Amino acid sequence: MPEFEATAEGYFVARQTRTKLILPPDLATEPVDMLGPDGVRLISAPFGLGGEGVTL
């Protein structure tokens, strides 16, 4: 389970994981930013949230 740290701007950042993840303060208006272990960066807005995960 990744640990998130909160920034002063309201973002939540997971740095100590294979895939780096930045969650915005408002998922409805801002994209999620992911950096994979292969260096590929994905920036996308969530399409849906469910009990088993997130669809981007």
C-alpha atoms as a PDB file:
ATOM      1  CA  MET A   1       0.000   0.000   0.000  1.00  0.00           C
ATOM      2  CA  PRO A   2       1.593   3.307  -1.036  1.00  0.00           C
ATOM      3  CA  GLU A   3       2.040   6.103   1.446  1.00  0.00           C
ATOM      4  CA  PHE A   4       0.953   9.544   0.306  1.00  0.00           C
ATOM      5  CA  GLU A   5       2.279  12.858   1.512  1.00  0.00           C
ATOM      6  CA  ALA A   6       0.123  15.974   1.342  1.00  0.00           C
ATOM      7  CA  THR A   7       1.518  19.161  -0.189  1.00  0.00           C
ATOM      8  CA  ALA A   8       0.674  22.698   0.916  1.00  0.00           C
ATOM      9  CA  GLU A   9      -1.325  23.102  -2.318  1.00  0.00           C
ATOM     10  CA  GLY A  10      -3.588  20.128  -1.460  1.00  0.00           C
ATOM     11  CA  TYR A  11      -2.032  17.504  -3.746  1.00  0.00           C
ATOM     12  CA  PHE A  12      -1.244  13.972  -2.554  1.00  0.00           C
ATOM     13  CA  VAL A  13       2.048  12.491  -3.754  1.00  0.00           C
ATOM     14  CA  ALA A  14       3.289   8.864  -3.637  1.00  0.00           C
ATOM     15  CA  ARG A  15       7.083   8.906  -4.143  1.00  0.00           C
ATOM     16  CA  GLN A  16       8.268   5.691  -2.481  1.00  0.00           C
ATOM     17  CA  THR A  17       6.652   3.378  -5.044  1.00  0.00           C
ATOM     18  CA  ARG A  18       7.649   1.956  -8.438  1.00  0.00           C
ATOM     19  CA  THR A  19       5.043   4.167 -10.091  1.00  0.00           C
ATOM     20  CA  LYS A  20       5.123   7.759  -8.858  1.00  0.00           C
ATOM     21  CA  LEU A  21       1.643   9.230  -8.481  1.00  0.00           C
ATOM     22  CA  ILE A  22       0.307  12.750  -7.955  1.00  0.00           C
ATOM     23  CA  LEU A  23      -3.366  13.131  -7.058  1.00  0.00           C
ATOM     24  CA  PRO A  24      -4.883  16.608  -7.368  1.00  0.00           C
ATOM     25  CA  PRO A  25      -7.042  18.241  -4.701  1.00  0.00           C
ATOM     26  CA  ASP A  26     -10.087  17.992  -6.995  1.00  0.00           C
ATOM     27  CA  LEU A  27     -10.290  14.882  -9.192  1.00  0.00           C
ATOM     28  CA  ALA A  28     -13.298  16.322 -10.999  1.00  0.00           C
ATOM     29  CA  THR A  29     -11.353  19.229 -12.520  1.00  0.00           C
ATOM     30  CA  GLU A  30      -7.660  18.247 -12.573  1.00  0.00           C
ATOM     31  CA  PRO A  31      -5.778  15.269 -14.036  1.00  0.00           C
ATOM     32  CA  VAL A  32      -3.881  12.511 -12.243  1.00  0.00           C
ATOM     33  CA  ASP A  33      -0.139  12.459 -13.009  1.00  0.00           C
ATOM     34  CA  MET A  34       1.684   9.080 -13.092  1.00  0.00           C
ATOM     35  CA  LEU A  35       5.337   8.320 -13.836  1.00  0.00           C
ATOM     36  CA  GLY A  36       6.025   4.631 -14.468  1.00  0.00           C
ATOM     37  CA  PRO A  37       9.241   2.760 -13.641  1.00  0.00           C
ATOM     38  CA  ASP A  38      10.035   2.728 -17.378  1.00  0.00           C
ATOM     39  CA  GLY A  39      10.010   6.548 -17.479  1.00  0.00           C
ATOM     40  CA  VAL A  40       6.675   6.806 -19.299  1.00  0.00           C
ATOM     41  CA  ARG A  41       4.567   9.653 -17.952  1.00  0.00           C
ATOM     42  CA  LEU A  42       0.768   9.492 -18.133  1.00  0.00           C
ATOM     43  CA  ILE A  43      -1.483  12.438 -17.367  1.00  0.00           C
ATOM     44  CA  SER A  44      -5.180  11.694 -17.479  1.00  0.00           C
ATOM     45  CA  ALA A  45      -8.473  12.654 -15.890  1.00  0.00           C
ATOM     46  CA  PRO A  46     -10.353   9.887 -14.062  1.00  0.00           C
ATOM     47  CA  PHE A  47     -13.296   8.497 -16.021  1.00  0.00           C
ATOM     48  CA  GLY A  48     -14.788   6.577 -13.133  1.00  0.00           C
ATOM     49  CA  LEU A  49     -14.143   5.471  -9.570  1.00  0.00           C
ATOM     50  CA  GLY A  50     -15.217   2.129  -8.181  1.00  0.00           C
ATOM     51  CA  GLY A  51     -14.657  -0.208  -5.264  1.00  0.00           C
ATOM     52  CA  GLU A  52     -11.948  -2.082  -7.161  1.00  0.00           C
ATOM     53  CA  GLY A  53      -9.998   0.813  -8.664  1.00  0.00           C
ATOM     54  CA  VAL A  54      -9.924   3.817 -10.947  1.00  0.00           C
ATOM     55  CA  THR A  55     -10.567   3.931 -14.689  1.00  0.00           C
ATOM     56  CA  LEU A  56      -8.450   6.498 -16.500  1.00  0.00           C
END
